[in-house]
Every structure is written in C-alpha cells, then in structure tokens.
C-alpha atoms as a PDB file:
ATOM      1  CA  MET A   1       0.000   0.000   0.000  1.00  0.00           C
ATOM      2  CA  SER A   2       1.506   3.295  -1.054  1.00  0.00           C
ATOM      3  CA  TYR A   3       1.401   6.529   0.882  1.00  0.00           C
ATOM      4  CA  ASN A   4      -1.229   8.024  -1.424  1.00  0.00           C
ATOM      5  CA  GLU A   5      -3.518   4.997  -1.044  1.00  0.00           C
ATOM      6  CA  LEU A   6      -3.153   5.112   2.734  1.00  0.00           C
ATOM      7  CA  ARG A   7      -3.833   8.838   2.770  1.00  0.00           C
ATOM      8  CA  HIS A   8      -6.940   8.388   0.629  1.00  0.00           C
ATOM      9  CA  LEU A   9      -8.184   5.642   2.958  1.00  0.00           C
ATOM     10  CA  ALA A  10      -7.609   7.811   6.020  1.00  0.00           C
ATOM     11  CA  ASP A  11      -9.265  10.823   4.392  1.00  0.00           C
ATOM     12  CA  SER A  12     -12.409   8.933   3.473  1.00  0.00           C
ATOM     13  CA  TRP A  13     -13.026   6.058   5.876  1.00  0.00           C
ATOM     14  CA  GLY A  14     -11.106   7.639   8.736  1.00  0.00           C
ATOM     15  CA  LEU A  15     -13.417  10.636   8.614  1.00  0.00           C
ATOM     16  CA  VAL A  16     -16.479   8.391   8.516  1.00  0.00           C
ATOM     17  CA  PHE A  17     -15.210   6.362  11.484  1.00  0.00           C
ATOM     18  CA  LEU A  18     -14.396   9.436  13.589  1.00  0.00           C
ATOM     19  CA  ALA A  19     -17.749  11.047  12.805  1.00  0.00           C
ATOM     20  CA  ALA A  20     -19.587   7.857  13.772  1.00  0.00           C
ATOM     21  CA  ALA A  21     -17.569   7.570  16.996  1.00  0.00           C
ATOM     22  CA  PHE A  22     -18.303  11.212  17.850  1.00  0.00           C
ATOM     23  CA  LEU A  23     -22.030  10.786  17.305  1.00  0.00           C
ATOM     24  CA  THR A  24     -21.999   7.573  19.347  1.00  0.00           C
ATOM     25  CA  PHE A  25     -20.273   9.278  22.278  1.00  0.00           C
ATOM     26  CA  ILE A  26     -22.699  12.203  22.183  1.00  0.00           C
ATOM     27  CA  GLY A  27     -25.669   9.836  22.000  1.00  0.00           C
ATOM     28  CA  TRP A  28     -24.306   7.738  24.850  1.00  0.00           C
ATOM     29  CA  THR A  29     -23.992  10.827  27.052  1.00  0.00           C
ATOM     30  CA  PHE A  30     -27.570  11.965  26.466  1.00  0.00           C
ATOM     31  CA  ARG A  31     -29.244   8.551  26.470  1.00  0.00           C
ATOM     32  CA  LYS A  32     -32.388   7.920  28.471  1.00  0.00           C
ATOM     33  CA  GLY A  33     -31.579   7.228  32.102  1.00  0.00           C
ATOM     34  CA  ALA A  34     -28.044   8.601  31.962  1.00  0.00           C
ATOM     35  CA  HIS A  35     -28.868  11.481  34.281  1.00  0.00           C
ATOM     36  CA  VAL A  36     -28.947   9.067  37.220  1.00  0.00           C
ATOM     37  CA  HIS A  37     -25.344   8.056  36.555  1.00  0.00           C
ATOM     38  CA  HIS A  38     -24.274  11.668  36.003  1.00  0.00           C
ATOM     39  CA  ASP A  39     -25.890  12.797  39.258  1.00  0.00           C
ATOM     40  CA  ARG A  40     -24.268   9.940  41.168  1.00  0.00           C
ATOM     41  CA  ALA A  41     -20.853  10.754  39.711  1.00  0.00           C
ATOM     42  CA  ALA A  42     -21.261  14.470  40.426  1.00  0.00           C
ATOM     43  CA  ASN A  43     -22.222  13.880  44.065  1.00  0.00           C
ATOM     44  CA  MET A  44     -19.834  11.025  44.744  1.00  0.00           C
ATOM     45  CA  ILE A  45     -17.325  13.275  46.531  1.00  0.00           C
ATOM     46  CA  PHE A  46     -19.975  14.226  49.074  1.00  0.00           C
ATOM     47  CA  ASP A  47     -20.802  10.650  50.087  1.00  0.00           C
ATOM     48  CA  GLU A  48     -19.710   9.933  53.634  1.00  0.00           C
ATOM     49  CA  ASP A  49     -20.845   6.308  53.666  1.00  0.00           C
ATOM     50  CA  GLN A  50     -17.592   4.905  52.347  1.00  0.00           C
ATOM     51  CA  ASP A  51     -14.466   4.574  54.429  1.00  0.00           C
ATOM     52  CA  ASN A  52     -11.589   6.263  52.620  1.00  0.00           C
ATOM     53  CA  GLY A  53      -8.909   4.601  54.656  1.00  0.00           C
END
C-alpha cells in the first residue's frame, strides 16, 4: 500500500469512522436514564458512607 492509497483511505473512511464515533459518544452521554449516573458521579465526593482509609 503506497502513501497516497493510505492517505486516501484515512481521508475517506477515517473521517467516517471518527464522525460515527463522535455521534456515538454524544448519544451515549444523552441517552435515556443517563442522568442518574451523572448525578451519582457528580455527588460522589460528598458521600460519607464509604471509608476512605
């Protein structure tokens, strides 16, 4: 595979892959029920139930 073929592959399919990954990550963040996990992660530092050593 030459440099130009590799560059063409990266320009076309690489862009498609990165766009699909970006949309997947955005969709995963805003999925139904995700707010429960986000709230738990945001308030985790205030939990006093766990022994930190």
